[in-house]
Amino acid sequence: AGIGIDGLDKSVVAYEPVWAIGTGKTASPDEAQA
């Protein structure tokens, strides 16, 4: 809504499950891929 789809085309998206940040826990490859 802020940058438009054209703006997203010039961006990078990072999925970071909060429960796996700095905890030592990691989403499984399949969970992350989903």
All heavy atoms as atom14 arrays in JSON, in Angstrom:
{
  "sequence": "AGIGIDGLDKSVVAYEPVWAIGTGKTASPDEAQA",
  "atom14_mask": [
    [1, 1, 1, 1, 1, 0, 0, 0, 0, 0, 0, 0, 0, 0],
    [1, 1, 1, 1, 0, 0, 0, 0, 0, 0, 0, 0, 0, 0],
    [1, 1, 1, 1, 1, 1, 1, 1, 0, 0, 0, 0, 0, 0],
    [1, 1, 1, 1, 0, 0, 0, 0, 0, 0, 0, 0, 0, 0],
    [1, 1, 1, 1, 1, 1, 1, 1, 0, 0, 0, 0, 0, 0],
    [1, 1, 1, 1, 1, 1, 1, 1, 0, 0, 0, 0, 0, 0],
    [1, 1, 1, 1, 0, 0, 0, 0, 0, 0, 0, 0, 0, 0],
    [1, 1, 1, 1, 1, 1, 1, 1, 0, 0, 0, 0, 0, 0],
    [1, 1, 1, 1, 1, 1, 1, 1, 0, 0, 0, 0, 0, 0],
    [1, 1, 1, 1, 1, 1, 1, 1, 1, 0, 0, 0, 0, 0],
    [1, 1, 1, 1, 1, 1, 0, 0, 0, 0, 0, 0, 0, 0],
    [1, 1, 1, 1, 1, 1, 1, 0, 0, 0, 0, 0, 0, 0],
    [1, 1, 1, 1, 1, 1, 1, 0, 0, 0, 0, 0, 0, 0],
    [1, 1, 1, 1, 1, 0, 0, 0, 0, 0, 0, 0, 0, 0],
    [1, 1, 1, 1, 1, 1, 1, 1, 1, 1, 1, 1, 0, 0],
    [1, 1, 1, 1, 1, 1, 1, 1, 1, 0, 0, 0, 0, 0],
    [1, 1, 1, 1, 1, 1, 1, 0, 0, 0, 0, 0, 0, 0],
    [1, 1, 1, 1, 1, 1, 1, 0, 0, 0, 0, 0, 0, 0],
    [1, 1, 1, 1, 1, 1, 1, 1, 1, 1, 1, 1, 1, 1],
    [1, 1, 1, 1, 1, 0, 0, 0, 0, 0, 0, 0, 0, 0],
    [1, 1, 1, 1, 1, 1, 1, 1, 0, 0, 0, 0, 0, 0],
    [1, 1, 1, 1, 0, 0, 0, 0, 0, 0, 0, 0, 0, 0],
    [1, 1, 1, 1, 1, 1, 1, 0, 0, 0, 0, 0, 0, 0],
    [1, 1, 1, 1, 0, 0, 0, 0, 0, 0, 0, 0, 0, 0],
    [1, 1, 1, 1, 1, 1, 1, 1, 1, 0, 0, 0, 0, 0],
    [1, 1, 1, 1, 1, 1, 1, 0, 0, 0, 0, 0, 0, 0],
    [1, 1, 1, 1, 1, 0, 0, 0, 0, 0, 0, 0, 0, 0],
    [1, 1, 1, 1, 1, 1, 0, 0, 0, 0, 0, 0, 0, 0],
    [1, 1, 1, 1, 1, 1, 1, 0, 0, 0, 0, 0, 0, 0],
    [1, 1, 1, 1, 1, 1, 1, 1, 0, 0, 0, 0, 0, 0],
    [1, 1, 1, 1, 1, 1, 1, 1, 1, 0, 0, 0, 0, 0],
    [1, 1, 1, 1, 1, 0, 0, 0, 0, 0, 0, 0, 0, 0],
    [1, 1, 1, 1, 1, 1, 1, 1, 1, 0, 0, 0, 0, 0],
    [1, 1, 1, 1, 1, 0, 0, 0, 0, 0, 0, 0, 0, 0]
  ],
  "atom14_positions": [
    [[0.84, -1.21, 0.0], [0.0, 0.0, 0.0], [0.86, 1.25, 0.0], [0.48, 2.28, -0.57], [-0.93, -0.01, 1.21], [0.0, 0.0, 0.0], [0.0, 0.0, 0.0], [0.0, 0.0, 0.0], [0.0, 0.0, 0.0], [0.0, 0.0, 0.0], [0.0, 0.0, 0.0], [0.0, 0.0, 0.0], [0.0, 0.0, 0.0], [0.0, 0.0, 0.0]],
    [[2.04, 1.17, 0.61], [2.91, 2.34, 0.68], [3.79, 2.53, -0.53], [4.11, 3.67, -0.89], [0.0, 0.0, 0.0], [0.0, 0.0, 0.0], [0.0, 0.0, 0.0], [0.0, 0.0, 0.0], [0.0, 0.0, 0.0], [0.0, 0.0, 0.0], [0.0, 0.0, 0.0], [0.0, 0.0, 0.0], [0.0, 0.0, 0.0], [0.0, 0.0, 0.0]],
    [[4.21, 1.43, -1.16], [5.19, 1.54, -2.25], [4.66, 1.03, -3.59], [5.31, 1.23, -4.62], [6.49, 0.79, -1.91], [6.25, -0.72, -1.79], [7.1, 1.35, -0.63], [7.53, -1.53, -1.52], [0.0, 0.0, 0.0], [0.0, 0.0, 0.0], [0.0, 0.0, 0.0], [0.0, 0.0, 0.0], [0.0, 0.0, 0.0], [0.0, 0.0, 0.0]],
    [[3.51, 0.38, -3.59], [2.97, -0.17, -4.83], [3.69, -1.45, -5.23], [4.77, -1.77, -4.72], [0.0, 0.0, 0.0], [0.0, 0.0, 0.0], [0.0, 0.0, 0.0], [0.0, 0.0, 0.0], [0.0, 0.0, 0.0], [0.0, 0.0, 0.0], [0.0, 0.0, 0.0], [0.0, 0.0, 0.0], [0.0, 0.0, 0.0], [0.0, 0.0, 0.0]],
    [[3.11, -2.17, -6.15], [3.71, -3.42, -6.6], [5.02, -3.14, -7.35], [5.96, -3.94, -7.3], [2.73, -4.24, -7.48], [3.19, -5.69, -7.61], [2.52, -3.58, -8.82], [3.11, -6.48, -6.33], [0.0, 0.0, 0.0], [0.0, 0.0, 0.0], [0.0, 0.0, 0.0], [0.0, 0.0, 0.0], [0.0, 0.0, 0.0], [0.0, 0.0, 0.0]],
    [[5.11, -1.99, -8.02], [6.35, -1.63, -8.7], [7.47, -1.39, -7.69], [8.64, -1.73, -7.94], [6.16, -0.39, -9.57], [5.29, -0.66, -10.78], [5.16, -1.84, -11.17], [4.74, 0.3, -11.34], [0.0, 0.0, 0.0], [0.0, 0.0, 0.0], [0.0, 0.0, 0.0], [0.0, 0.0, 0.0], [0.0, 0.0, 0.0], [0.0, 0.0, 0.0]],
    [[7.13, -0.81, -6.54], [8.11, -0.62, -5.5], [8.57, -1.93, -4.9], [9.76, -2.11, -4.6], [0.0, 0.0, 0.0], [0.0, 0.0, 0.0], [0.0, 0.0, 0.0], [0.0, 0.0, 0.0], [0.0, 0.0, 0.0], [0.0, 0.0, 0.0], [0.0, 0.0, 0.0], [0.0, 0.0, 0.0], [0.0, 0.0, 0.0], [0.0, 0.0, 0.0]],
    [[7.65, -2.87, -4.75], [8.02, -4.18, -4.23], [8.98, -4.88, -5.17], [9.86, -5.64, -4.74], [6.77, -5.04, -4.01], [7.0, -6.31, -3.19], [7.37, -5.97, -1.75], [5.79, -7.22, -3.24], [0.0, 0.0, 0.0], [0.0, 0.0, 0.0], [0.0, 0.0, 0.0], [0.0, 0.0, 0.0], [0.0, 0.0, 0.0], [0.0, 0.0, 0.0]],
    [[8.83, -4.61, -6.46], [9.71, -5.2, -7.47], [11.17, -4.75, -7.29], [12.09, -5.41, -7.77], [9.22, -4.8, -8.86], [9.76, -5.69, -9.97], [10.13, -6.85, -9.69], [9.81, -5.22, -11.12], [0.0, 0.0, 0.0], [0.0, 0.0, 0.0], [0.0, 0.0, 0.0], [0.0, 0.0, 0.0], [0.0, 0.0, 0.0], [0.0, 0.0, 0.0]],
    [[11.36, -3.65, -6.58], [12.7, -3.13, -6.33], [13.15, -3.39, -4.9], [14.13, -2.82, -4.43], [12.73, -1.62, -6.61], [12.35, -1.25, -8.04], [12.19, 0.25, -8.2], [11.68, 0.6, -9.6], [11.39, 2.05, -9.73], [0.0, 0.0, 0.0], [0.0, 0.0, 0.0], [0.0, 0.0, 0.0], [0.0, 0.0, 0.0], [0.0, 0.0, 0.0]],
    [[12.42, -4.25, -4.21], [12.67, -4.53, -2.8], [13.05, -6.0, -2.62], [13.01, -6.81, -3.55], [11.41, -4.22, -1.97], [10.96, -2.91, -2.19], [0.0, 0.0, 0.0], [0.0, 0.0, 0.0], [0.0, 0.0, 0.0], [0.0, 0.0, 0.0], [0.0, 0.0, 0.0], [0.0, 0.0, 0.0], [0.0, 0.0, 0.0], [0.0, 0.0, 0.0]],
    [[13.44, -6.32, -1.4], [13.69, -7.69, -0.97], [12.76, -7.95, 0.21], [12.55, -7.06, 1.05], [15.16, -7.88, -0.54], [15.38, -9.22, 0.12], [16.09, -7.7, -1.74], [0.0, 0.0, 0.0], [0.0, 0.0, 0.0], [0.0, 0.0, 0.0], [0.0, 0.0, 0.0], [0.0, 0.0, 0.0], [0.0, 0.0, 0.0], [0.0, 0.0, 0.0]],
    [[12.19, -9.13, 0.27], [11.35, -9.51, 1.41], [12.08, -10.57, 2.22], [12.65, -11.51, 1.66], [9.98, -10.04, 0.93], [9.2, -10.64, 2.1], [9.16, -8.92, 0.3], [0.0, 0.0, 0.0], [0.0, 0.0, 0.0], [0.0, 0.0, 0.0], [0.0, 0.0, 0.0], [0.0, 0.0, 0.0], [0.0, 0.0, 0.0], [0.0, 0.0, 0.0]],
    [[12.07, -10.4, 3.53], [12.68, -11.38, 4.43], [11.61, -11.92, 5.37], [10.99, -11.16, 6.12], [13.82, -10.75, 5.22], [0.0, 0.0, 0.0], [0.0, 0.0, 0.0], [0.0, 0.0, 0.0], [0.0, 0.0, 0.0], [0.0, 0.0, 0.0], [0.0, 0.0, 0.0], [0.0, 0.0, 0.0], [0.0, 0.0, 0.0], [0.0, 0.0, 0.0]],
    [[11.41, -13.24, 5.32], [10.5, -13.89, 6.27], [11.31, -14.31, 7.48], [12.27, -15.09, 7.37], [9.83, -15.11, 5.65], [9.14, -15.98, 6.68], [8.14, -15.46, 7.5], [9.5, -17.32, 6.84], [7.52, -16.25, 8.46], [8.88, -18.12, 7.79], [7.89, -17.58, 8.6], [7.29, -18.36, 9.56], [0.0, 0.0, 0.0], [0.0, 0.0, 0.0]],
    [[10.95, -13.77, 8.63], [11.67, -14.08, 9.87], [10.67, -14.43, 10.96], [10.11, -13.54, 11.6], [12.56, -12.9, 10.28], [11.93, -11.52, 10.1], [12.52, -10.48, 11.03], [13.7, -10.59, 11.34], [11.77, -9.59, 11.46], [0.0, 0.0, 0.0], [0.0, 0.0, 0.0], [0.0, 0.0, 0.0], [0.0, 0.0, 0.0], [0.0, 0.0, 0.0]],
    [[10.43, -15.72, 11.17], [9.54, -16.1, 12.26], [10.11, -15.61, 13.58], [11.25, -15.93, 13.93], [9.51, -17.63, 12.19], [10.72, -18.02, 11.41], [11.0, -16.89, 10.47], [0.0, 0.0, 0.0], [0.0, 0.0, 0.0], [0.0, 0.0, 0.0], [0.0, 0.0, 0.0], [0.0, 0.0, 0.0], [0.0, 0.0, 0.0], [0.0, 0.0, 0.0]],
    [[9.34, -14.82, 14.3], [9.85, -14.17, 15.51], [10.33, -15.2, 16.52], [11.32, -14.99, 17.23], [8.76, -13.27, 16.12], [9.26, -12.6, 17.39], [8.33, -12.21, 15.11], [0.0, 0.0, 0.0], [0.0, 0.0, 0.0], [0.0, 0.0, 0.0], [0.0, 0.0, 0.0], [0.0, 0.0, 0.0], [0.0, 0.0, 0.0], [0.0, 0.0, 0.0]],
    [[9.67, -16.34, 16.56], [10.01, -17.38, 17.53], [11.35, -18.05, 17.23], [11.89, -18.8, 18.05], [8.91, -18.43, 17.59], [8.47, -18.93, 16.24], [7.49, -18.39, 15.44], [8.98, -20.04, 15.53], [7.37, -19.1, 14.28], [8.27, -20.13, 14.3], [9.98, -21.0, 15.81], [8.52, -21.12, 13.36], [10.23, -21.99, 14.87], [9.5, -22.04, 13.66]],
    [[11.94, -17.76, 16.06], [13.21, -18.39, 15.68], [14.36, -17.39, 15.63], [15.44, -17.73, 15.15], [13.06, -19.08, 14.33], [0.0, 0.0, 0.0], [0.0, 0.0, 0.0], [0.0, 0.0, 0.0], [0.0, 0.0, 0.0], [0.0, 0.0, 0.0], [0.0, 0.0, 0.0], [0.0, 0.0, 0.0], [0.0, 0.0, 0.0], [0.0, 0.0, 0.0]],
    [[14.15, -16.17, 16.13], [15.2, -15.15, 16.05], [15.95, -15.08, 17.37], [15.37, -14.75, 18.41], [14.6, -13.77, 15.72], [13.92, -13.82, 14.35], [15.67, -12.7, 15.74], [13.12, -12.59, 14.03], [0.0, 0.0, 0.0], [0.0, 0.0, 0.0], [0.0, 0.0, 0.0], [0.0, 0.0, 0.0], [0.0, 0.0, 0.0], [0.0, 0.0, 0.0]],
    [[17.22, -15.44, 17.33], [18.05, -15.39, 18.52], [17.72, -16.43, 19.56], [18.22, -16.38, 20.68], [0.0, 0.0, 0.0], [0.0, 0.0, 0.0], [0.0, 0.0, 0.0], [0.0, 0.0, 0.0], [0.0, 0.0, 0.0], [0.0, 0.0, 0.0], [0.0, 0.0, 0.0], [0.0, 0.0, 0.0], [0.0, 0.0, 0.0], [0.0, 0.0, 0.0]],
    [[16.88, -17.4, 19.21], [16.47, -18.42, 20.16], [17.21, -19.74, 19.95], [17.14, -20.63, 20.8], [14.96, -18.7, 20.04], [14.7, -19.25, 18.74], [14.16, -17.43, 20.23], [0.0, 0.0, 0.0], [0.0, 0.0, 0.0], [0.0, 0.0, 0.0], [0.0, 0.0, 0.0], [0.0, 0.0, 0.0], [0.0, 0.0, 0.0], [0.0, 0.0, 0.0]],
    [[17.87, -19.86, 18.8], [18.48, -21.14, 18.45], [17.5, -22.05, 17.74], [17.89, -23.06, 17.15], [0.0, 0.0, 0.0], [0.0, 0.0, 0.0], [0.0, 0.0, 0.0], [0.0, 0.0, 0.0], [0.0, 0.0, 0.0], [0.0, 0.0, 0.0], [0.0, 0.0, 0.0], [0.0, 0.0, 0.0], [0.0, 0.0, 0.0], [0.0, 0.0, 0.0]],
    [[16.21, -21.71, 17.79], [15.2, -22.49, 17.06], [15.18, -22.03, 15.61], [15.41, -20.86, 15.32], [13.83, -22.3, 17.68], [13.7, -22.77, 19.12], [12.3, -22.53, 19.64], [12.16, -23.0, 21.08], [10.79, -22.75, 21.6], [0.0, 0.0, 0.0], [0.0, 0.0, 0.0], [0.0, 0.0, 0.0], [0.0, 0.0, 0.0], [0.0, 0.0, 0.0]],
    [[14.9, -22.95, 14.73], [14.82, -22.62, 13.31], [13.59, -23.29, 12.72], [13.31, -24.45, 13.05], [16.06, -23.12, 12.56], [17.23, -22.67, 13.24], [16.08, -22.61, 11.13], [0.0, 0.0, 0.0], [0.0, 0.0, 0.0], [0.0, 0.0, 0.0], [0.0, 0.0, 0.0], [0.0, 0.0, 0.0], [0.0, 0.0, 0.0], [0.0, 0.0, 0.0]],
    [[12.87, -22.58, 11.87], [11.81, -23.25, 11.13], [12.45, -24.33, 10.27], [13.54, -24.14, 9.73], [11.08, -22.24, 10.25], [0.0, 0.0, 0.0], [0.0, 0.0, 0.0], [0.0, 0.0, 0.0], [0.0, 0.0, 0.0], [0.0, 0.0, 0.0], [0.0, 0.0, 0.0], [0.0, 0.0, 0.0], [0.0, 0.0, 0.0], [0.0, 0.0, 0.0]],
    [[11.81, -25.47, 10.17], [12.34, -26.51, 9.28], [12.33, -25.98, 7.86], [11.58, -25.05, 7.53], [11.5, -27.78, 9.38], [10.25, -27.57, 8.74], [0.0, 0.0, 0.0], [0.0, 0.0, 0.0], [0.0, 0.0, 0.0], [0.0, 0.0, 0.0], [0.0, 0.0, 0.0], [0.0, 0.0, 0.0], [0.0, 0.0, 0.0], [0.0, 0.0, 0.0]],
    [[13.17, -26.55, 6.98], [13.13, -26.09, 5.59], [11.73, -26.13, 4.99], [11.32, -25.21, 4.28], [14.08, -27.07, 4.89], [15.08, -27.42, 5.95], [14.27, -27.5, 7.22], [0.0, 0.0, 0.0], [0.0, 0.0, 0.0], [0.0, 0.0, 0.0], [0.0, 0.0, 0.0], [0.0, 0.0, 0.0], [0.0, 0.0, 0.0], [0.0, 0.0, 0.0]],
    [[10.96, -27.17, 5.31], [9.6, -27.28, 4.77], [8.68, -26.2, 5.35], [7.84, -25.65, 4.63], [9.02, -28.67, 5.04], [9.66, -29.74, 4.16], [10.21, -29.39, 3.09], [9.62, -30.92, 4.55], [0.0, 0.0, 0.0], [0.0, 0.0, 0.0], [0.0, 0.0, 0.0], [0.0, 0.0, 0.0], [0.0, 0.0, 0.0], [0.0, 0.0, 0.0]],
    [[8.84, -25.92, 6.64], [8.02, -24.86, 7.27], [8.34, -23.51, 6.67], [7.44, -22.71, 6.36], [8.27, -24.83, 8.77], [7.68, -25.99, 9.54], [8.09, -25.99, 11.0], [9.22, -25.55, 11.3], [7.29, -26.44, 11.84], [0.0, 0.0, 0.0], [0.0, 0.0, 0.0], [0.0, 0.0, 0.0], [0.0, 0.0, 0.0], [0.0, 0.0, 0.0]],
    [[9.63, -23.22, 6.51], [10.04, -21.95, 5.92], [9.57, -21.84, 4.48], [9.05, -20.8, 4.05], [11.55, -21.79, 6.0], [0.0, 0.0, 0.0], [0.0, 0.0, 0.0], [0.0, 0.0, 0.0], [0.0, 0.0, 0.0], [0.0, 0.0, 0.0], [0.0, 0.0, 0.0], [0.0, 0.0, 0.0], [0.0, 0.0, 0.0], [0.0, 0.0, 0.0]],
    [[9.73, -22.92, 3.71], [9.31, -22.92, 2.31], [7.82, -22.67, 2.18], [7.39, -21.94, 1.28], [9.69, -24.26, 1.66], [9.0, -24.57, 0.34], [9.27, -23.58, -0.78], [10.24, -22.81, -0.71], [8.43, -23.59, -1.79], [0.0, 0.0, 0.0], [0.0, 0.0, 0.0], [0.0, 0.0, 0.0], [0.0, 0.0, 0.0], [0.0, 0.0, 0.0]],
    [[7.03, -23.24, 3.07], [5.58, -23.07, 2.98], [5.2, -21.59, 3.09], [4.33, -21.11, 2.33], [4.9, -23.88, 4.08], [0.0, 0.0, 0.0], [0.0, 0.0, 0.0], [0.0, 0.0, 0.0], [0.0, 0.0, 0.0], [0.0, 0.0, 0.0], [0.0, 0.0, 0.0], [0.0, 0.0, 0.0], [0.0, 0.0, 0.0], [0.0, 0.0, 0.0]]
  ]
}
